[in-house]
Amino acid sequence: MEEHIIKIIDVSAVTHDVRRFTLEKPDGYTFTPGQATEVSVNTPELKDEKRPFTFTSLPDAPHLEFTIKIYGHHDGVTNALGKLRKGDEFIIGDAWGAITYKGPGTFIAGGAGVTPFIAILRYLYKENRIANNQLFFSNKTAKDIILQEEFEKMLQDRFINTLTREKHDKYLYGRIDKAFITQRITDFDQHFYVCGPDQFVKDIQNTLTAAGAHPDTVVIEE
């Protein structure tokens, strides 16, 4: 796998614990919306500590972008990422990933698991093909919702939020579980895109197939 050292052009806040990193784009670098790559920080201590992150920029953008949740209470890679500034460097590899757009459907995300869907939905919006898609997004509290205004602009009332640790007049309350899905989905002959914590993905996948979705139409990161 080829590696590329790229400089950070900008770092900005998306939420209280999510950062947007804008970076140089290597010549000829390509990816498909929804794909990821292995990322490490170009320092002697961290260059071998690789983690997968999804591109949230579009493939034809002049720069690369990652939208990354920072776990500041962990002495790990994302904690280090949270301290990076303009001019610091990432090391990235080739693009990979199974989450790619296969047709209109329902996107189901838990927390930072929404990141593979960002570039896909941005691409569909740009191409005026987003109308027959919707996003169910589960977060702990309202302040955790990533890119809320952008998703509302792209999806309008097809952007449906639910919170698990806060009751709020504007959002649903509770988990995305069997009751949630069967109450809000009547057509299981569509594509489903699921990403989030491992147990979240497993539970949603089992619920969808039990309700009649064909396993081949449920797209997850293998």
C-alpha atoms as a PDB file:
ATOM      1  CA  MET A   1       0.000   0.000   0.000  1.00  0.00           C
ATOM      2  CA  GLU A   2       1.361   3.366  -1.018  1.00  0.00           C
ATOM      3  CA  GLU A   3       1.661   5.977   1.711  1.00  0.00           C
ATOM      4  CA  HIS A   4       1.312   9.751   1.378  1.00  0.00           C
ATOM      5  CA  ILE A   5       2.448  12.447   3.795  1.00  0.00           C
ATOM      6  CA  ILE A   6       0.034  15.370   3.647  1.00  0.00           C
ATOM      7  CA  LYS A   7      -0.097  18.662   5.531  1.00  0.00           C
ATOM      8  CA  ILE A   8      -3.079  19.973   7.445  1.00  0.00           C
ATOM      9  CA  ILE A   9      -4.465  23.117   5.811  1.00  0.00           C
ATOM     10  CA  ASP A  10      -7.135  23.846   8.411  1.00  0.00           C
ATOM     11  CA  VAL A  11      -8.753  22.450  11.565  1.00  0.00           C
ATOM     12  CA  SER A  12     -12.232  23.561  12.641  1.00  0.00           C
ATOM     13  CA  ALA A  13     -14.889  22.501  15.149  1.00  0.00           C
ATOM     14  CA  VAL A  14     -17.997  20.667  13.927  1.00  0.00           C
ATOM     15  CA  THR A  15     -19.410  19.887  17.386  1.00  0.00           C
ATOM     16  CA  HIS A  16     -18.015  20.053  20.911  1.00  0.00           C
ATOM     17  CA  ASP A  17     -15.965  16.900  20.286  1.00  0.00           C
ATOM     18  CA  VAL A  18     -15.811  16.547  16.482  1.00  0.00           C
ATOM     19  CA  ARG A  19     -13.171  18.227  14.306  1.00  0.00           C
ATOM     20  CA  ARG A  20     -12.990  18.841  10.576  1.00  0.00           C
ATOM     21  CA  PHE A  21      -9.495  18.383   9.126  1.00  0.00           C
ATOM     22  CA  THR A  22      -8.810  19.874   5.690  1.00  0.00           C
ATOM     23  CA  LEU A  23      -5.634  18.495   4.116  1.00  0.00           C
ATOM     24  CA  GLU A  24      -3.508  18.523   1.021  1.00  0.00           C
ATOM     25  CA  LYS A  25      -4.586  16.080  -1.673  1.00  0.00           C
ATOM     26  CA  PRO A  26      -1.864  13.974  -3.315  1.00  0.00           C
ATOM     27  CA  ASP A  27      -1.690  14.201  -7.093  1.00  0.00           C
ATOM     28  CA  GLY A  28      -3.894  11.571  -8.705  1.00  0.00           C
ATOM     29  CA  TYR A  29      -5.424  10.416  -5.406  1.00  0.00           C
ATOM     30  CA  THR A  30      -8.882   8.920  -5.907  1.00  0.00           C
ATOM     31  CA  PHE A  31     -11.660   7.449  -3.774  1.00  0.00           C
ATOM     32  CA  THR A  32     -15.379   6.743  -3.922  1.00  0.00           C
ATOM     33  CA  PRO A  33     -17.812   8.577  -1.595  1.00  0.00           C
ATOM     34  CA  GLY A  34     -18.160   6.430   1.530  1.00  0.00           C
ATOM     35  CA  GLN A  35     -14.645   5.014   1.390  1.00  0.00           C
ATOM     36  CA  ALA A  36     -11.967   5.366   4.058  1.00  0.00           C
ATOM     37  CA  THR A  37      -8.222   5.058   4.468  1.00  0.00           C
ATOM     38  CA  GLU A  38      -5.707   4.257   7.203  1.00  0.00           C
ATOM     39  CA  VAL A  39      -4.528   7.460   8.886  1.00  0.00           C
ATOM     40  CA  SER A  40      -1.664   8.132  11.261  1.00  0.00           C
ATOM     41  CA  VAL A  41       0.024  11.255  12.599  1.00  0.00           C
ATOM     42  CA  ASN A  42       3.441  11.935  11.123  1.00  0.00           C
ATOM     43  CA  THR A  43       5.453  12.007  14.342  1.00  0.00           C
ATOM     44  CA  PRO A  44       8.008   9.441  15.551  1.00  0.00           C
ATOM     45  CA  GLU A  45       5.654   8.365  18.344  1.00  0.00           C
ATOM     46  CA  LEU A  46       2.472   8.009  16.295  1.00  0.00           C
ATOM     47  CA  LYS A  47       3.399   7.298  12.665  1.00  0.00           C
ATOM     48  CA  ASP A  48       2.797   3.553  13.118  1.00  0.00           C
ATOM     49  CA  GLU A  49      -0.479   4.004  15.053  1.00  0.00           C
ATOM     50  CA  LYS A  50      -2.907   3.728  12.121  1.00  0.00           C
ATOM     51  CA  ARG A  51      -6.654   4.187  12.396  1.00  0.00           C
ATOM     52  CA  PRO A  52      -9.376   4.057   9.720  1.00  0.00           C
ATOM     53  CA  PHE A  53     -11.171   7.300   8.901  1.00  0.00           C
ATOM     54  CA  THR A  54     -13.666   8.106   6.164  1.00  0.00           C
ATOM     55  CA  PHE A  55     -13.214  10.842   3.603  1.00  0.00           C
ATOM     56  CA  THR A  56     -15.960  13.428   4.010  1.00  0.00           C
ATOM     57  CA  SER A  57     -14.893  15.548   1.039  1.00  0.00           C
ATOM     58  CA  LEU A  58     -16.060  14.817  -2.494  1.00  0.00           C
ATOM     59  CA  PRO A  59     -13.636  13.034  -4.843  1.00  0.00           C
ATOM     60  CA  ASP A  60     -13.346  16.059  -7.149  1.00  0.00           C
ATOM     61  CA  ALA A  61     -12.595  18.530  -4.333  1.00  0.00           C
ATOM     62  CA  PRO A  62      -9.129  20.133  -4.413  1.00  0.00           C
ATOM     63  CA  HIS A  63      -8.443  19.053  -0.831  1.00  0.00           C
ATOM     64  CA  LEU A  64      -9.111  16.013   1.348  1.00  0.00           C
ATOM     65  CA  GLU A  65     -11.349  16.267   4.404  1.00  0.00           C
ATOM     66  CA  PHE A  66     -11.883  14.056   7.443  1.00  0.00           C
ATOM     67  CA  THR A  67     -14.562  14.626  10.086  1.00  0.00           C
ATOM     68  CA  ILE A  68     -13.291  12.936  13.246  1.00  0.00           C
ATOM     69  CA  LYS A  69     -14.675  12.501  16.736  1.00  0.00           C
ATOM     70  CA  ILE A  70     -12.057  13.322  19.368  1.00  0.00           C
ATOM     71  CA  TYR A  71     -11.974  11.173  22.497  1.00  0.00           C
ATOM     72  CA  GLY A  72     -10.087  13.569  24.742  1.00  0.00           C
ATOM     73  CA  HIS A  73     -10.362  11.358  27.825  1.00  0.00           C
ATOM     74  CA  HIS A  74      -8.478   8.526  26.071  1.00  0.00           C
ATOM     75  CA  ASP A  75      -4.702   8.676  25.829  1.00  0.00           C
ATOM     76  CA  GLY A  76      -4.808   7.524  22.229  1.00  0.00           C
ATOM     77  CA  VAL A  77      -4.702   8.533  18.598  1.00  0.00           C
ATOM     78  CA  THR A  78      -7.847  10.681  18.487  1.00  0.00           C
ATOM     79  CA  ASN A  79      -6.702  12.521  21.608  1.00  0.00           C
ATOM     80  CA  ALA A  80      -3.493  13.337  19.726  1.00  0.00           C
ATOM     81  CA  LEU A  81      -5.522  14.328  16.652  1.00  0.00           C
ATOM     82  CA  GLY A  82      -7.392  16.838  18.768  1.00  0.00           C
ATOM     83  CA  LYS A  83      -4.132  18.684  19.451  1.00  0.00           C
ATOM     84  CA  LEU A  84      -3.069  18.995  15.819  1.00  0.00           C
ATOM     85  CA  ARG A  85      -2.960  22.340  14.057  1.00  0.00           C
ATOM     86  CA  LYS A  86      -2.365  23.791  10.610  1.00  0.00           C
ATOM     87  CA  GLY A  87       0.971  22.621   9.228  1.00  0.00           C
ATOM     88  CA  ASP A  88       1.034  19.302  11.097  1.00  0.00           C
ATOM     89  CA  GLU A  89       1.066  16.172   8.956  1.00  0.00           C
ATOM     90  CA  PHE A  90      -0.992  13.031   8.412  1.00  0.00           C
ATOM     91  CA  ILE A  91       0.143   9.834   6.765  1.00  0.00           C
ATOM     92  CA  ILE A  92      -2.562   8.181   4.664  1.00  0.00           C
ATOM     93  CA  GLY A  93      -2.714   5.024   2.575  1.00  0.00           C
ATOM     94  CA  ASP A  94      -4.900   3.921  -0.307  1.00  0.00           C
ATOM     95  CA  ALA A  95      -8.685   4.231  -0.244  1.00  0.00           C
ATOM     96  CA  TRP A  96     -10.814   1.216   0.672  1.00  0.00           C
ATOM     97  CA  GLY A  97     -14.251   0.384   2.040  1.00  0.00           C
ATOM     98  CA  ALA A  98     -17.512  -1.435   1.345  1.00  0.00           C
ATOM     99  CA  ILE A  99     -19.918   1.407   2.103  1.00  0.00           C
ATOM    100  CA  THR A 100     -20.730   2.810  -1.326  1.00  0.00           C
ATOM    101  CA  TYR A 101     -23.998   4.037  -2.787  1.00  0.00           C
ATOM    102  CA  LYS A 102     -26.000   1.325  -4.540  1.00  0.00           C
ATOM    103  CA  GLY A 103     -29.358   3.049  -4.965  1.00  0.00           C
ATOM    104  CA  PRO A 104     -32.060   5.031  -3.124  1.00  0.00           C
ATOM    105  CA  GLY A 105     -32.778   3.964   0.414  1.00  0.00           C
ATOM    106  CA  THR A 106     -32.517   4.591   4.134  1.00  0.00           C
ATOM    107  CA  PHE A 107     -29.293   5.555   5.883  1.00  0.00           C
ATOM    108  CA  ILE A 108     -29.113   4.574   9.561  1.00  0.00           C
ATOM    109  CA  ALA A 109     -26.279   5.984  11.674  1.00  0.00           C
ATOM    110  CA  GLY A 110     -25.212   5.889  15.290  1.00  0.00           C
ATOM    111  CA  GLY A 111     -23.034   8.806  16.429  1.00  0.00           C
ATOM    112  CA  ALA A 112     -19.769   9.186  14.517  1.00  0.00           C
ATOM    113  CA  GLY A 113     -20.922   6.276  12.346  1.00  0.00           C
ATOM    114  CA  VAL A 114     -22.551   8.913  10.163  1.00  0.00           C
ATOM    115  CA  THR A 115     -19.183   9.881   8.657  1.00  0.00           C
ATOM    116  CA  PRO A 116     -19.243   7.399   5.720  1.00  0.00           C
ATOM    117  CA  PHE A 117     -22.596   8.867   4.715  1.00  0.00           C
ATOM    118  CA  ILE A 118     -21.431  12.499   4.586  1.00  0.00           C
ATOM    119  CA  ALA A 119     -19.627  12.325   1.241  1.00  0.00           C
ATOM    120  CA  ILE A 120     -22.314  10.049  -0.222  1.00  0.00           C
ATOM    121  CA  LEU A 121     -25.135  12.437   0.670  1.00  0.00           C
ATOM    122  CA  ARG A 122     -23.120  15.476  -0.403  1.00  0.00           C
ATOM    123  CA  TYR A 123     -22.532  13.804  -3.764  1.00  0.00           C
ATOM    124  CA  LEU A 124     -26.210  12.911  -4.205  1.00  0.00           C
ATOM    125  CA  TYR A 125     -27.236  16.451  -3.279  1.00  0.00           C
ATOM    126  CA  LYS A 126     -24.764  17.929  -5.747  1.00  0.00           C
ATOM    127  CA  GLU A 127     -26.069  15.621  -8.481  1.00  0.00           C
ATOM    128  CA  ASN A 128     -29.716  16.342  -7.580  1.00  0.00           C
ATOM    129  CA  ARG A 129     -30.291  12.651  -6.771  1.00  0.00           C
ATOM    130  CA  ILE A 130     -30.950  12.844  -3.033  1.00  0.00           C
ATOM    131  CA  ALA A 131     -34.759  13.037  -3.079  1.00  0.00           C
ATOM    132  CA  ASN A 132     -35.502   9.333  -2.524  1.00  0.00           C
ATOM    133  CA  ASN A 133     -33.120   8.902   0.396  1.00  0.00           C
ATOM    134  CA  GLN A 134     -33.562   9.475   4.124  1.00  0.00           C
ATOM    135  CA  LEU A 135     -31.300   9.468   7.182  1.00  0.00           C
ATOM    136  CA  PHE A 136     -32.119   8.153  10.646  1.00  0.00           C
ATOM    137  CA  PHE A 137     -29.483   9.496  13.048  1.00  0.00           C
ATOM    138  CA  SER A 138     -29.068   8.403  16.678  1.00  0.00           C
ATOM    139  CA  ASN A 139     -27.076  10.479  19.186  1.00  0.00           C
ATOM    140  CA  LYS A 140     -26.840  10.785  22.945  1.00  0.00           C
ATOM    141  CA  THR A 141     -27.783  14.487  23.111  1.00  0.00           C
ATOM    142  CA  ALA A 142     -28.636  17.335  20.746  1.00  0.00           C
ATOM    143  CA  LYS A 143     -25.142  18.828  21.007  1.00  0.00           C
ATOM    144  CA  ASP A 144     -23.719  15.592  19.569  1.00  0.00           C
ATOM    145  CA  ILE A 145     -25.531  15.889  16.208  1.00  0.00           C
ATOM    146  CA  ILE A 146     -22.898  16.188  13.476  1.00  0.00           C
ATOM    147  CA  LEU A 147     -23.546  18.604  10.571  1.00  0.00           C
ATOM    148  CA  GLN A 148     -27.157  19.134  11.591  1.00  0.00           C
ATOM    149  CA  GLU A 149     -27.755  22.226   9.444  1.00  0.00           C
ATOM    150  CA  GLU A 150     -26.204  20.669   6.351  1.00  0.00           C
ATOM    151  CA  PHE A 151     -28.209  17.458   6.678  1.00  0.00           C
ATOM    152  CA  GLU A 152     -31.397  19.496   7.180  1.00  0.00           C
ATOM    153  CA  LYS A 153     -30.645  21.488   4.035  1.00  0.00           C
ATOM    154  CA  MET A 154     -29.946  18.371   1.960  1.00  0.00           C
ATOM    155  CA  LEU A 155     -32.662  16.058   3.292  1.00  0.00           C
ATOM    156  CA  GLN A 156     -35.252  18.409   4.811  1.00  0.00           C
ATOM    157  CA  ASP A 157     -37.909  16.324   6.610  1.00  0.00           C
ATOM    158  CA  ARG A 158     -36.143  13.126   5.557  1.00  0.00           C
ATOM    159  CA  PHE A 159     -33.491  13.821   8.209  1.00  0.00           C
ATOM    160  CA  ILE A 160     -34.840  12.174  11.359  1.00  0.00           C
ATOM    161  CA  ASN A 161     -32.985  12.477  14.674  1.00  0.00           C
ATOM    162  CA  THR A 162     -33.449  10.506  17.850  1.00  0.00           C
ATOM    163  CA  LEU A 163     -31.690  11.083  21.173  1.00  0.00           C
ATOM    164  CA  THR A 164     -30.966   8.407  23.760  1.00  0.00           C
ATOM    165  CA  ARG A 165     -29.933  10.482  26.806  1.00  0.00           C
ATOM    166  CA  GLU A 166     -31.867  13.726  26.434  1.00  0.00           C
ATOM    167  CA  LYS A 167     -35.497  14.591  25.854  1.00  0.00           C
ATOM    168  CA  HIS A 168     -35.920  17.491  23.455  1.00  0.00           C
ATOM    169  CA  ASP A 169     -39.010  19.016  21.833  1.00  0.00           C
ATOM    170  CA  LYS A 170     -37.406  19.001  18.391  1.00  0.00           C
ATOM    171  CA  TYR A 171     -36.231  15.371  18.289  1.00  0.00           C
ATOM    172  CA  LEU A 172     -37.457  11.851  18.875  1.00  0.00           C
ATOM    173  CA  TYR A 173     -36.388  10.084  22.049  1.00  0.00           C
ATOM    174  CA  GLY A 174     -35.119   6.521  22.224  1.00  0.00           C
ATOM    175  CA  ARG A 175     -32.912   4.079  20.401  1.00  0.00           C
ATOM    176  CA  ILE A 176     -33.108   2.995  16.791  1.00  0.00           C
ATOM    177  CA  ASP A 177     -34.360  -0.508  17.499  1.00  0.00           C
ATOM    178  CA  LYS A 178     -36.965  -2.918  16.171  1.00  0.00           C
ATOM    179  CA  ALA A 179     -39.898  -0.779  17.346  1.00  0.00           C
ATOM    180  CA  PHE A 180     -38.399   2.381  15.848  1.00  0.00           C
ATOM    181  CA  ILE A 181     -37.718   0.739  12.489  1.00  0.00           C
ATOM    182  CA  THR A 182     -41.014  -1.100  12.075  1.00  0.00           C
ATOM    183  CA  GLN A 183     -42.936   2.041  13.038  1.00  0.00           C
ATOM    184  CA  ARG A 184     -41.182   4.250  10.470  1.00  0.00           C
ATOM    185  CA  ILE A 185     -40.344   1.901   7.589  1.00  0.00           C
ATOM    186  CA  THR A 186     -43.007   0.088   5.570  1.00  0.00           C
ATOM    187  CA  ASP A 187     -40.971  -0.617   2.438  1.00  0.00           C
ATOM    188  CA  PHE A 188     -38.202  -3.133   3.024  1.00  0.00           C
ATOM    189  CA  ASP A 189     -37.581  -3.553  -0.693  1.00  0.00           C
ATOM    190  CA  GLN A 190     -34.997  -0.758  -0.744  1.00  0.00           C
ATOM    191  CA  HIS A 191     -31.336  -0.297   0.104  1.00  0.00           C
ATOM    192  CA  PHE A 192     -30.269   0.231   3.693  1.00  0.00           C
ATOM    193  CA  TYR A 193     -26.946   1.746   4.728  1.00  0.00           C
ATOM    194  CA  VAL A 194     -25.950   1.116   8.336  1.00  0.00           C
ATOM    195  CA  CYS A 195     -22.929   2.380  10.267  1.00  0.00           C
ATOM    196  CA  GLY A 196     -22.115   2.914  13.938  1.00  0.00           C
ATOM    197  CA  PRO A 197     -20.858   0.910  16.912  1.00  0.00           C
ATOM    198  CA  ASP A 198     -20.488  -2.816  16.189  1.00  0.00           C
ATOM    199  CA  GLN A 199     -23.477  -3.943  18.285  1.00  0.00           C
ATOM    200  CA  PHE A 200     -25.634  -1.164  16.833  1.00  0.00           C
ATOM    201  CA  VAL A 201     -24.857  -2.340  13.291  1.00  0.00           C
ATOM    202  CA  LYS A 202     -25.444  -5.992  14.162  1.00  0.00           C
ATOM    203  CA  ASP A 203     -28.795  -5.285  15.830  1.00  0.00           C
ATOM    204  CA  ILE A 204     -30.036  -3.073  12.982  1.00  0.00           C
ATOM    205  CA  GLN A 205     -28.902  -5.581  10.364  1.00  0.00           C
ATOM    206  CA  ASN A 206     -30.756  -8.404  12.127  1.00  0.00           C
ATOM    207  CA  THR A 207     -33.886  -6.277  12.544  1.00  0.00           C
ATOM    208  CA  LEU A 208     -33.940  -5.274   8.868  1.00  0.00           C
ATOM    209  CA  THR A 209     -33.504  -8.801   7.532  1.00  0.00           C
ATOM    210  CA  ALA A 210     -36.086 -10.178   9.977  1.00  0.00           C
ATOM    211  CA  ALA A 211     -38.536  -7.537   8.719  1.00  0.00           C
ATOM    212  CA  GLY A 212     -38.045  -8.621   5.123  1.00  0.00           C
ATOM    213  CA  ALA A 213     -35.022  -6.755   3.780  1.00  0.00           C
ATOM    214  CA  HIS A 214     -32.842  -8.917   1.522  1.00  0.00           C
ATOM    215  CA  PRO A 215     -29.362  -9.307   3.064  1.00  0.00           C
ATOM    216  CA  ASP A 216     -27.758  -8.065  -0.158  1.00  0.00           C
ATOM    217  CA  THR A 217     -29.546  -4.726   0.179  1.00  0.00           C
ATOM    218  CA  VAL A 218     -28.163  -4.013   3.660  1.00  0.00           C
ATOM    219  CA  VAL A 219     -24.849  -2.203   3.141  1.00  0.00           C
ATOM    220  CA  ILE A 220     -22.379  -2.251   6.049  1.00  0.00           C
ATOM    221  CA  GLU A 221     -18.627  -2.024   6.493  1.00  0.00           C
ATOM    222  CA  GLU A 222     -17.381  -5.610   6.500  1.00  0.00           C
END
